[in-house]
Amino acid sequence: MNIIADLVSVSEAAKMLNVDRTRVNILCRQGRFDGAAKIGRNWVIPREAVENFKRLPPGVKSKTKQQQKEDKALIAQALEATNSAPNENIARSEER
C-alpha cells in the first residue's frame, strides 16, 4: 500500500467529482472528506473519501464549523442541565 498513491490533490478530486477546484476547497474546509488534511496551503484528500463522497440533496446546506461548535455547546448545556437536575433534587431531599 502506497500512502502517496492513496492521496489526491484538490485538482484531481475536482476532476473526479466534475466540480470546480474552489468547490473542493470549500468541501475540505467543511470537513466533508474524511481524512482530508491541509499541508501548507494545499489540501490532500484520501482517494477513497473522494470516491465515496455523497452529495447533499438539493436545497440542503451543510453546517459550517461555527454552527457545529454552537450545536455542540447547546448539547453540552442540555446534558449539564439534565445531569445537575437530579442531583439538586437529591440534595434537597437530604436537607429535609
PDB file of N, CA and C in Angstrom:
ATOM      1  N   MET A   1       0.852  -1.184   0.000  1.00  0.00           N
ATOM      2  CA  MET A   1       0.000   0.000   0.000  1.00  0.00           C
ATOM      3  C   MET A   1       0.888   1.235   0.000  1.00  0.00           C
ATOM      4  N   ASN A   2       0.742   2.076  -0.990  1.00  0.00           N
ATOM      5  CA  ASN A   2       1.499   3.306  -1.102  1.00  0.00           C
ATOM      6  C   ASN A   2       0.635   4.470  -0.636  1.00  0.00           C
ATOM      7  N   ILE A   3       1.029   5.102   0.466  1.00  0.00           N
ATOM      8  CA  ILE A   3       0.228   6.175   1.044  1.00  0.00           C
ATOM      9  C   ILE A   3       0.064   7.330   0.063  1.00  0.00           C
ATOM     10  N   ILE A   4       1.112   7.693  -0.624  1.00  0.00           N
ATOM     11  CA  ILE A   4       1.040   8.813  -1.553  1.00  0.00           C
ATOM     12  C   ILE A   4       0.083   8.505  -2.697  1.00  0.00           C
ATOM     13  N   ALA A   5       0.047   7.287  -3.158  1.00  0.00           N
ATOM     14  CA  ALA A   5      -0.871   6.912  -4.245  1.00  0.00           C
ATOM     15  C   ALA A   5      -2.321   6.943  -3.771  1.00  0.00           C
ATOM     16  N   ASP A   6      -2.539   6.817  -2.469  1.00  0.00           N
ATOM     17  CA  ASP A   6      -3.890   6.829  -1.917  1.00  0.00           C
ATOM     18  C   ASP A   6      -4.407   8.236  -1.653  1.00  0.00           C
ATOM     19  N   LEU A   7      -3.588   9.277  -1.900  1.00  0.00           N
ATOM     20  CA  LEU A   7      -3.990  10.666  -1.688  1.00  0.00           C
ATOM     21  C   LEU A   7      -4.136  11.371  -3.029  1.00  0.00           C
ATOM     22  N   VAL A   8      -5.103  12.287  -3.096  1.00  0.00           N
ATOM     23  CA  VAL A   8      -5.291  13.070  -4.313  1.00  0.00           C
ATOM     24  C   VAL A   8      -5.256  14.553  -3.969  1.00  0.00           C
ATOM     25  N   SER A   9      -4.903  15.356  -4.951  1.00  0.00           N
ATOM     26  CA  SER A   9      -4.885  16.810  -4.774  1.00  0.00           C
ATOM     27  C   SER A   9      -6.293  17.361  -5.008  1.00  0.00           C
ATOM     28  N   VAL A  10      -6.447  18.639  -4.743  1.00  0.00           N
ATOM     29  CA  VAL A  10      -7.725  19.304  -4.975  1.00  0.00           C
ATOM     30  C   VAL A  10      -8.080  19.241  -6.459  1.00  0.00           C
ATOM     31  N   SER A  11      -7.088  19.449  -7.323  1.00  0.00           N
ATOM     32  CA  SER A  11      -7.336  19.403  -8.769  1.00  0.00           C
ATOM     33  C   SER A  11      -7.825  18.026  -9.212  1.00  0.00           C
ATOM     34  N   GLU A  12      -7.170  16.982  -8.709  1.00  0.00           N
ATOM     35  CA  GLU A  12      -7.574  15.623  -9.067  1.00  0.00           C
ATOM     36  C   GLU A  12      -8.979  15.318  -8.545  1.00  0.00           C
ATOM     37  N   ALA A  13      -9.263  15.731  -7.307  1.00  0.00           N
ATOM     38  CA  ALA A  13     -10.593  15.498  -6.724  1.00  0.00           C
ATOM     39  C   ALA A  13     -11.661  16.243  -7.520  1.00  0.00           C
ATOM     40  N   ALA A  14     -11.334  17.460  -7.958  1.00  0.00           N
ATOM     41  CA  ALA A  14     -12.291  18.240  -8.752  1.00  0.00           C
ATOM     42  C   ALA A  14     -12.610  17.521 -10.064  1.00  0.00           C
ATOM     43  N   LYS A  15     -11.605  16.952 -10.716  1.00  0.00           N
ATOM     44  CA  LYS A  15     -11.834  16.200 -11.949  1.00  0.00           C
ATOM     45  C   LYS A  15     -12.670  14.951 -11.673  1.00  0.00           C
ATOM     46  N   MET A  16     -12.377  14.265 -10.575  1.00  0.00           N
ATOM     47  CA  MET A  16     -13.106  13.042 -10.244  1.00  0.00           C
ATOM     48  C   MET A  16     -14.583  13.325  -9.968  1.00  0.00           C
ATOM     49  N   LEU A  17     -14.857  14.472  -9.334  1.00  0.00           N
ATOM     50  CA  LEU A  17     -16.229  14.824  -8.955  1.00  0.00           C
ATOM     51  C   LEU A  17     -16.932  15.701  -9.993  1.00  0.00           C
ATOM     52  N   ASN A  18     -16.183  16.124 -11.010  1.00  0.00           N
ATOM     53  CA  ASN A  18     -16.719  17.001 -12.047  1.00  0.00           C
ATOM     54  C   ASN A  18     -17.242  18.320 -11.453  1.00  0.00           C
ATOM     55  N   VAL A  19     -16.434  18.912 -10.566  1.00  0.00           N
ATOM     56  CA  VAL A  19     -16.741  20.201  -9.962  1.00  0.00           C
ATOM     57  C   VAL A  19     -15.501  21.094 -10.046  1.00  0.00           C
ATOM     58  N   ASP A  20     -15.652  22.341  -9.658  1.00  0.00           N
ATOM     59  CA  ASP A  20     -14.548  23.298  -9.676  1.00  0.00           C
ATOM     60  C   ASP A  20     -13.625  23.073  -8.474  1.00  0.00           C
ATOM     61  N   ARG A  21     -12.364  23.469  -8.611  1.00  0.00           N
ATOM     62  CA  ARG A  21     -11.394  23.345  -7.517  1.00  0.00           C
ATOM     63  C   ARG A  21     -11.842  24.129  -6.292  1.00  0.00           C
ATOM     64  N   THR A  22     -12.465  25.282  -6.518  1.00  0.00           N
ATOM     65  CA  THR A  22     -12.945  26.107  -5.401  1.00  0.00           C
ATOM     66  C   THR A  22     -13.956  25.331  -4.569  1.00  0.00           C
ATOM     67  N   ARG A  23     -14.825  24.588  -5.242  1.00  0.00           N
ATOM     68  CA  ARG A  23     -15.834  23.804  -4.539  1.00  0.00           C
ATOM     69  C   ARG A  23     -15.182  22.713  -3.689  1.00  0.00           C
ATOM     70  N   VAL A  24     -14.160  22.088  -4.213  1.00  0.00           N
ATOM     71  CA  VAL A  24     -13.454  21.042  -3.453  1.00  0.00           C
ATOM     72  C   VAL A  24     -12.795  21.660  -2.222  1.00  0.00           C
ATOM     73  N   ASN A  25     -12.197  22.850  -2.368  1.00  0.00           N
ATOM     74  CA  ASN A  25     -11.602  23.532  -1.208  1.00  0.00           C
ATOM     75  C   ASN A  25     -12.653  23.809  -0.147  1.00  0.00           C
ATOM     76  N   ILE A  26     -13.828  24.240  -0.567  1.00  0.00           N
ATOM     77  CA  ILE A  26     -14.912  24.521   0.377  1.00  0.00           C
ATOM     78  C   ILE A  26     -15.322  23.234   1.090  1.00  0.00           C
ATOM     79  N   LEU A  27     -15.465  22.149   0.329  1.00  0.00           N
ATOM     80  CA  LEU A  27     -15.838  20.863   0.926  1.00  0.00           C
ATOM     81  C   LEU A  27     -14.797  20.399   1.942  1.00  0.00           C
ATOM     82  N   CYS A  28     -13.523  20.636   1.639  1.00  0.00           N
ATOM     83  CA  CYS A  28     -12.452  20.281   2.586  1.00  0.00           C
ATOM     84  C   CYS A  28     -12.581  21.091   3.871  1.00  0.00           C
ATOM     85  N   ARG A  29     -12.797  22.402   3.732  1.00  0.00           N
ATOM     86  CA  ARG A  29     -12.937  23.262   4.916  1.00  0.00           C
ATOM     87  C   ARG A  29     -14.148  22.864   5.751  1.00  0.00           C
ATOM     88  N   GLN A  30     -15.197  22.379   5.099  1.00  0.00           N
ATOM     89  CA  GLN A  30     -16.404  21.964   5.811  1.00  0.00           C
ATOM     90  C   GLN A  30     -16.252  20.594   6.454  1.00  0.00           C
ATOM     91  N   GLY A  31     -15.160  19.894   6.155  1.00  0.00           N
ATOM     92  CA  GLY A  31     -14.938  18.587   6.740  1.00  0.00           C
ATOM     93  C   GLY A  31     -15.739  17.484   6.063  1.00  0.00           C
ATOM     94  N   ARG A  32     -16.099  17.676   4.816  1.00  0.00           N
ATOM     95  CA  ARG A  32     -16.942  16.716   4.099  1.00  0.00           C
ATOM     96  C   ARG A  32     -16.164  15.514   3.572  1.00  0.00           C
ATOM     97  N   PHE A  33     -14.816  15.596   3.555  1.00  0.00           N
ATOM     98  CA  PHE A  33     -13.989  14.464   3.141  1.00  0.00           C
ATOM     99  C   PHE A  33     -13.290  13.913   4.371  1.00  0.00           C
ATOM    100  N   ASP A  34     -13.588  12.677   4.725  1.00  0.00           N
ATOM    101  CA  ASP A  34     -12.924  12.042   5.869  1.00  0.00           C
ATOM    102  C   ASP A  34     -11.437  11.895   5.581  1.00  0.00           C
ATOM    103  N   GLY A  35     -10.614  12.388   6.485  1.00  0.00           N
ATOM    104  CA  GLY A  35      -9.172  12.213   6.364  1.00  0.00           C
ATOM    105  C   GLY A  35      -8.462  13.284   5.561  1.00  0.00           C
ATOM    106  N   ALA A  36      -9.190  14.277   5.050  1.00  0.00           N
ATOM    107  CA  ALA A  36      -8.539  15.357   4.304  1.00  0.00           C
ATOM    108  C   ALA A  36      -7.666  16.167   5.261  1.00  0.00           C
ATOM    109  N   ALA A  37      -6.493  16.561   4.786  1.00  0.00           N
ATOM    110  CA  ALA A  37      -5.559  17.314   5.627  1.00  0.00           C
ATOM    111  C   ALA A  37      -4.952  18.438   4.819  1.00  0.00           C
ATOM    112  N   LYS A  38      -4.658  19.520   5.498  1.00  0.00           N
ATOM    113  CA  LYS A  38      -4.039  20.659   4.844  1.00  0.00           C
ATOM    114  C   LYS A  38      -2.539  20.604   5.099  1.00  0.00           C
ATOM    115  N   ILE A  39      -1.780  20.624   4.032  1.00  0.00           N
ATOM    116  CA  ILE A  39      -0.322  20.647   4.126  1.00  0.00           C
ATOM    117  C   ILE A  39       0.119  21.975   3.512  1.00  0.00           C
ATOM    118  N   GLY A  40       0.554  22.878   4.372  1.00  0.00           N
ATOM    119  CA  GLY A  40       0.875  24.220   3.890  1.00  0.00           C
ATOM    120  C   GLY A  40      -0.402  24.908   3.444  1.00  0.00           C
ATOM    121  N   ARG A  41      -0.450  25.301   2.170  1.00  0.00           N
ATOM    122  CA  ARG A  41      -1.651  25.935   1.630  1.00  0.00           C
ATOM    123  C   ARG A  41      -2.536  24.961   0.867  1.00  0.00           C
ATOM    124  N   ASN A  42      -2.098  23.724   0.733  1.00  0.00           N
ATOM    125  CA  ASN A  42      -2.792  22.763  -0.117  1.00  0.00           C
ATOM    126  C   ASN A  42      -3.453  21.653   0.685  1.00  0.00           C
ATOM    127  N   TRP A  43      -4.579  21.182   0.179  1.00  0.00           N
ATOM    128  CA  TRP A  43      -5.275  20.052   0.778  1.00  0.00           C
ATOM    129  C   TRP A  43      -4.851  18.769   0.090  1.00  0.00           C
ATOM    130  N   VAL A  44      -4.756  17.699   0.856  1.00  0.00           N
ATOM    131  CA  VAL A  44      -4.615  16.356   0.307  1.00  0.00           C
ATOM    132  C   VAL A  44      -5.800  15.552   0.835  1.00  0.00           C
ATOM    133  N   ILE A  45      -6.365  14.752  -0.049  1.00  0.00           N
ATOM    134  CA  ILE A  45      -7.603  14.057   0.266  1.00  0.00           C
ATOM    135  C   ILE A  45      -7.421  12.571  -0.036  1.00  0.00           C
ATOM    136  N   PRO A  46      -7.826  11.705   0.870  1.00  0.00           N
ATOM    137  CA  PRO A  46      -7.751  10.277   0.569  1.00  0.00           C
ATOM    138  C   PRO A  46      -8.621   9.945  -0.655  1.00  0.00           C
ATOM    139  N   ARG A  47      -8.067   9.178  -1.572  1.00  0.00           N
ATOM    140  CA  ARG A  47      -8.787   8.810  -2.799  1.00  0.00           C
ATOM    141  C   ARG A  47     -10.135   8.152  -2.460  1.00  0.00           C
ATOM    142  N   GLU A  48     -10.127   7.305  -1.452  1.00  0.00           N
ATOM    143  CA  GLU A  48     -11.349   6.599  -1.053  1.00  0.00           C
ATOM    144  C   GLU A  48     -12.439   7.582  -0.615  1.00  0.00           C
ATOM    145  N   ALA A  49     -12.055   8.667   0.086  1.00  0.00           N
ATOM    146  CA  ALA A  49     -13.030   9.666   0.531  1.00  0.00           C
ATOM    147  C   ALA A  49     -13.676  10.364  -0.659  1.00  0.00           C
ATOM    148  N   VAL A  50     -12.889  10.616  -1.702  1.00  0.00           N
ATOM    149  CA  VAL A  50     -13.438  11.262  -2.899  1.00  0.00           C
ATOM    150  C   VAL A  50     -14.364  10.285  -3.631  1.00  0.00           C
ATOM    151  N   GLU A  51     -13.943   9.034  -3.741  1.00  0.00           N
ATOM    152  CA  GLU A  51     -14.754   8.043  -4.436  1.00  0.00           C
ATOM    153  C   GLU A  51     -16.065   7.762  -3.715  1.00  0.00           C
ATOM    154  N   ASN A  52     -16.062   7.864  -2.382  1.00  0.00           N
ATOM    155  CA  ASN A  52     -17.267   7.588  -1.590  1.00  0.00           C
ATOM    156  C   ASN A  52     -18.051   8.851  -1.240  1.00  0.00           C
ATOM    157  N   PHE A  53     -17.672   9.993  -1.820  1.00  0.00           N
ATOM    158  CA  PHE A  53     -18.311  11.266  -1.491  1.00  0.00           C
ATOM    159  C   PHE A  53     -19.795  11.231  -1.840  1.00  0.00           C
ATOM    160  N   LYS A  54     -20.616  11.654  -0.891  1.00  0.00           N
ATOM    161  CA  LYS A  54     -22.061  11.717  -1.102  1.00  0.00           C
ATOM    162  C   LYS A  54     -22.484  13.183  -1.159  1.00  0.00           C
ATOM    163  N   ARG A  55     -23.097  13.553  -2.252  1.00  0.00           N
ATOM    164  CA  ARG A  55     -23.605  14.919  -2.382  1.00  0.00           C
ATOM    165  C   ARG A  55     -24.856  15.079  -1.535  1.00  0.00           C
ATOM    166  N   LEU A  56     -25.066  16.299  -1.007  1.00  0.00           N
ATOM    167  CA  LEU A  56     -26.280  16.581  -0.252  1.00  0.00           C
ATOM    168  C   LEU A  56     -27.425  16.786  -1.236  1.00  0.00           C
ATOM    169  N   PRO A  57     -28.648  16.462  -0.827  1.00  0.00           N
ATOM    170  CA  PRO A  57     -29.791  16.710  -1.710  1.00  0.00           C
ATOM    171  C   PRO A  57     -29.927  18.204  -1.998  1.00  0.00           C
ATOM    172  N   PRO A  58     -30.529  18.576  -3.127  1.00  0.00           N
ATOM    173  CA  PRO A  58     -30.695  19.994  -3.461  1.00  0.00           C
ATOM    174  C   PRO A  58     -31.433  20.739  -2.352  1.00  0.00           C
ATOM    175  N   GLY A  59     -30.948  21.932  -2.045  1.00  0.00           N
ATOM    176  CA  GLY A  59     -31.578  22.761  -1.030  1.00  0.00           C
ATOM    177  C   GLY A  59     -31.089  22.522   0.381  1.00  0.00           C
ATOM    178  N   VAL A  60     -30.322  21.475   0.599  1.00  0.00           N
ATOM    179  CA  VAL A  60     -29.799  21.174   1.934  1.00  0.00           C
ATOM    180  C   VAL A  60     -28.388  21.728   2.019  1.00  0.00           C
ATOM    181  N   LYS A  61     -28.148  22.540   3.032  1.00  0.00           N
ATOM    182  CA  LYS A  61     -26.820  23.127   3.211  1.00  0.00           C
ATOM    183  C   LYS A  61     -26.125  22.428   4.364  1.00  0.00           C
ATOM    184  N   SER A  62     -24.831  22.192   4.200  1.00  0.00           N
ATOM    185  CA  SER A  62     -24.076  21.596   5.302  1.00  0.00           C
ATOM    186  C   SER A  62     -23.778  22.683   6.329  1.00  0.00           C
ATOM    187  N   LYS A  63     -23.555  22.266   7.545  1.00  0.00           N
ATOM    188  CA  LYS A  63     -23.303  23.214   8.620  1.00  0.00           C
ATOM    189  C   LYS A  63     -21.858  23.681   8.587  1.00  0.00           C
ATOM    190  N   THR A  64     -21.676  24.958   8.898  1.00  0.00           N
ATOM    191  CA  THR A  64     -20.327  25.497   8.989  1.00  0.00           C
ATOM    192  C   THR A  64     -19.707  25.025  10.301  1.00  0.00           C
ATOM    193  N   LYS A  65     -18.401  25.195  10.417  1.00  0.00           N
ATOM    194  CA  LYS A  65     -17.722  24.790  11.655  1.00  0.00           C
ATOM    195  C   LYS A  65     -18.271  25.579  12.842  1.00  0.00           C
ATOM    196  N   GLN A  66     -18.601  26.851  12.615  1.00  0.00           N
ATOM    197  CA  GLN A  66     -19.164  27.671  13.689  1.00  0.00           C
ATOM    198  C   GLN A  66     -20.508  27.105  14.137  1.00  0.00           C
ATOM    199  N   GLN A  67     -21.354  26.700  13.181  1.00  0.00           N
ATOM    200  CA  GLN A  67     -22.642  26.112  13.527  1.00  0.00           C
ATOM    201  C   GLN A  67     -22.461  24.790  14.265  1.00  0.00           C
ATOM    202  N   GLN A  68     -21.457  24.009  13.863  1.00  0.00           N
ATOM    203  CA  GLN A  68     -21.186  22.745  14.541  1.00  0.00           C
ATOM    204  C   GLN A  68     -20.755  22.993  15.975  1.00  0.00           C
ATOM    205  N   LYS A  69     -19.907  24.024  16.198  1.00  0.00           N
ATOM    206  CA  LYS A  69     -19.473  24.361  17.555  1.00  0.00           C
ATOM    207  C   LYS A  69     -20.652  24.798  18.406  1.00  0.00           C
ATOM    208  N   GLU A  70     -21.551  25.613  17.818  1.00  0.00           N
ATOM    209  CA  GLU A  70     -22.726  26.080  18.553  1.00  0.00           C
ATOM    210  C   GLU A  70     -23.627  24.905  18.924  1.00  0.00           C
ATOM    211  N   ASP A  71     -23.804  23.963  18.002  1.00  0.00           N
ATOM    212  CA  ASP A  71     -24.614  22.778  18.284  1.00  0.00           C
ATOM    213  C   ASP A  71     -24.007  21.964  19.425  1.00  0.00           C
ATOM    214  N   LYS A  72     -22.684  21.774  19.399  1.00  0.00           N
ATOM    215  CA  LYS A  72     -22.010  21.027  20.462  1.00  0.00           C
ATOM    216  C   LYS A  72     -22.177  21.727  21.808  1.00  0.00           C
ATOM    217  N   ALA A  73     -22.093  23.060  21.802  1.00  0.00           N
ATOM    218  CA  ALA A  73     -22.252  23.821  23.039  1.00  0.00           C
ATOM    219  C   ALA A  73     -23.674  23.665  23.589  1.00  0.00           C
ATOM    220  N   LEU A  74     -24.668  23.708  22.712  1.00  0.00           N
ATOM    221  CA  LEU A  74     -26.051  23.537  23.154  1.00  0.00           C
ATOM    222  C   LEU A  74     -26.283  22.142  23.721  1.00  0.00           C
ATOM    223  N   ILE A  75     -25.709  21.144  23.086  1.00  0.00           N
ATOM    224  CA  ILE A  75     -25.844  19.771  23.571  1.00  0.00           C
ATOM    225  C   ILE A  75     -25.179  19.627  24.934  1.00  0.00           C
ATOM    226  N   ALA A  76     -23.987  20.231  25.083  1.00  0.00           N
ATOM    227  CA  ALA A  76     -23.281  20.173  26.364  1.00  0.00           C
ATOM    228  C   ALA A  76     -24.091  20.855  27.458  1.00  0.00           C
ATOM    229  N   GLN A  77     -24.706  21.998  27.149  1.00  0.00           N
ATOM    230  CA  GLN A  77     -25.533  22.700  28.135  1.00  0.00           C
ATOM    231  C   GLN A  77     -26.738  21.844  28.526  1.00  0.00           C
ATOM    232  N   ALA A  78     -27.356  21.214  27.543  1.00  0.00           N
ATOM    233  CA  ALA A  78     -28.526  20.379  27.826  1.00  0.00           C
ATOM    234  C   ALA A  78     -28.136  19.194  28.702  1.00  0.00           C
ATOM    235  N   LEU A  79     -26.995  18.566  28.397  1.00  0.00           N
ATOM    236  CA  LEU A  79     -26.534  17.443  29.208  1.00  0.00           C
ATOM    237  C   LEU A  79     -26.203  17.879  30.622  1.00  0.00           C
ATOM    238  N   GLU A  80     -25.572  19.035  30.730  1.00  0.00           N
ATOM    239  CA  GLU A  80     -25.219  19.552  32.051  1.00  0.00           C
ATOM    240  C   GLU A  80     -26.475  19.834  32.865  1.00  0.00           C
ATOM    241  N   ALA A  81     -27.478  20.423  32.222  1.00  0.00           N
ATOM    242  CA  ALA A  81     -28.732  20.729  32.912  1.00  0.00           C
ATOM    243  C   ALA A  81     -29.435  19.445  33.343  1.00  0.00           C
ATOM    244  N   THR A  82     -29.411  18.441  32.492  1.00  0.00           N
ATOM    245  CA  THR A  82     -30.065  17.172  32.826  1.00  0.00           C
ATOM    246  C   THR A  82     -29.321  16.458  33.943  1.00  0.00           C
ATOM    247  N   ASN A  83     -28.006  16.488  33.900  1.00  0.00           N
ATOM    248  CA  ASN A  83     -27.212  15.796  34.926  1.00  0.00           C
ATOM    249  C   ASN A  83     -27.270  16.512  36.258  1.00  0.00           C
ATOM    250  N   SER A  84     -27.402  17.833  36.260  1.00  0.00           N
ATOM    251  CA  SER A  84     -27.408  18.559  37.527  1.00  0.00           C
ATOM    252  C   SER A  84     -28.786  18.563  38.166  1.00  0.00           C
ATOM    253  N   ALA A  85     -29.848  18.434  37.391  1.00  0.00           N
ATOM    254  CA  ALA A  85     -31.206  18.484  37.941  1.00  0.00           C
ATOM    255  C   ALA A  85     -31.460  17.368  38.954  1.00  0.00           C
ATOM    256  N   PRO A  86     -31.177  16.120  38.661  1.00  0.00           N
ATOM    257  CA  PRO A  86     -31.425  15.068  39.664  1.00  0.00           C
ATOM    258  C   PRO A  86     -30.577  15.255  40.920  1.00  0.00           C
ATOM    259  N   ASN A  87     -29.366  15.740  40.773  1.00  0.00           N
ATOM    260  CA  ASN A  87     -28.500  15.944  41.936  1.00  0.00           C
ATOM    261  C   ASN A  87     -29.061  17.011  42.854  1.00  0.00           C
ATOM    262  N   GLU A  88     -29.650  18.052  42.288  1.00  0.00           N
ATOM    263  CA  GLU A  88     -30.248  19.109  43.114  1.00  0.00           C
ATOM    264  C   GLU A  88     -31.422  18.548  43.896  1.00  0.00           C
ATOM    265  N   ASN A  89     -32.233  17.714  43.254  1.00  0.00           N
ATOM    266  CA  ASN A  89     -33.387  17.107  43.927  1.00  0.00           C
ATOM    267  C   ASN A  89     -32.925  16.198  45.057  1.00  0.00           C
ATOM    268  N   ILE A  90     -31.869  15.454  44.852  1.00  0.00           N
ATOM    269  CA  ILE A  90     -31.339  14.576  45.894  1.00  0.00           C
ATOM    270  C   ILE A  90     -30.817  15.399  47.057  1.00  0.00           C
ATOM    271  N   ALA A  91     -30.118  16.484  46.734  1.00  0.00           N
ATOM    272  CA  ALA A  91     -29.583  17.329  47.806  1.00  0.00           C
ATOM    273  C   ALA A  91     -30.695  17.958  48.611  1.00  0.00           C
ATOM    274  N   ARG A  92     -31.752  18.376  47.964  1.00  0.00           N
ATOM    275  CA  ARG A  92     -32.892  18.977  48.679  1.00  0.00           C
ATOM    276  C   ARG A  92     -33.579  17.962  49.573  1.00  0.00           C
ATOM    277  N   SER A  93     -33.716  16.733  49.083  1.00  0.00           N
ATOM    278  CA  SER A  93     -34.384  15.709  49.897  1.00  0.00           C
ATOM    279  C   SER A  93     -33.516  15.325  51.107  1.00  0.00           C
ATOM    280  N   GLU A  94     -32.207  15.418  50.968  1.00  0.00           N
ATOM    281  CA  GLU A  94     -31.328  15.105  52.081  1.00  0.00           C
ATOM    282  C   GLU A  94     -31.358  16.198  53.138  1.00  0.00           C
ATOM    283  N   GLU A  95     -31.670  17.443  52.742  1.00  0.00           N
ATOM    284  CA  GLU A  95     -31.713  18.543  53.691  1.00  0.00           C
ATOM    285  C   GLU A  95     -32.923  18.423  54.609  1.00  0.00           C
ATOM    286  N   ARG A  96     -33.964  17.774  54.159  1.00  0.00           N
ATOM    287  CA  ARG A  96     -35.208  17.674  54.952  1.00  0.00           C
ATOM    288  C   ARG A  96     -35.083  16.740  56.083  1.00  0.00           C
TER     289      ARG A  96
END
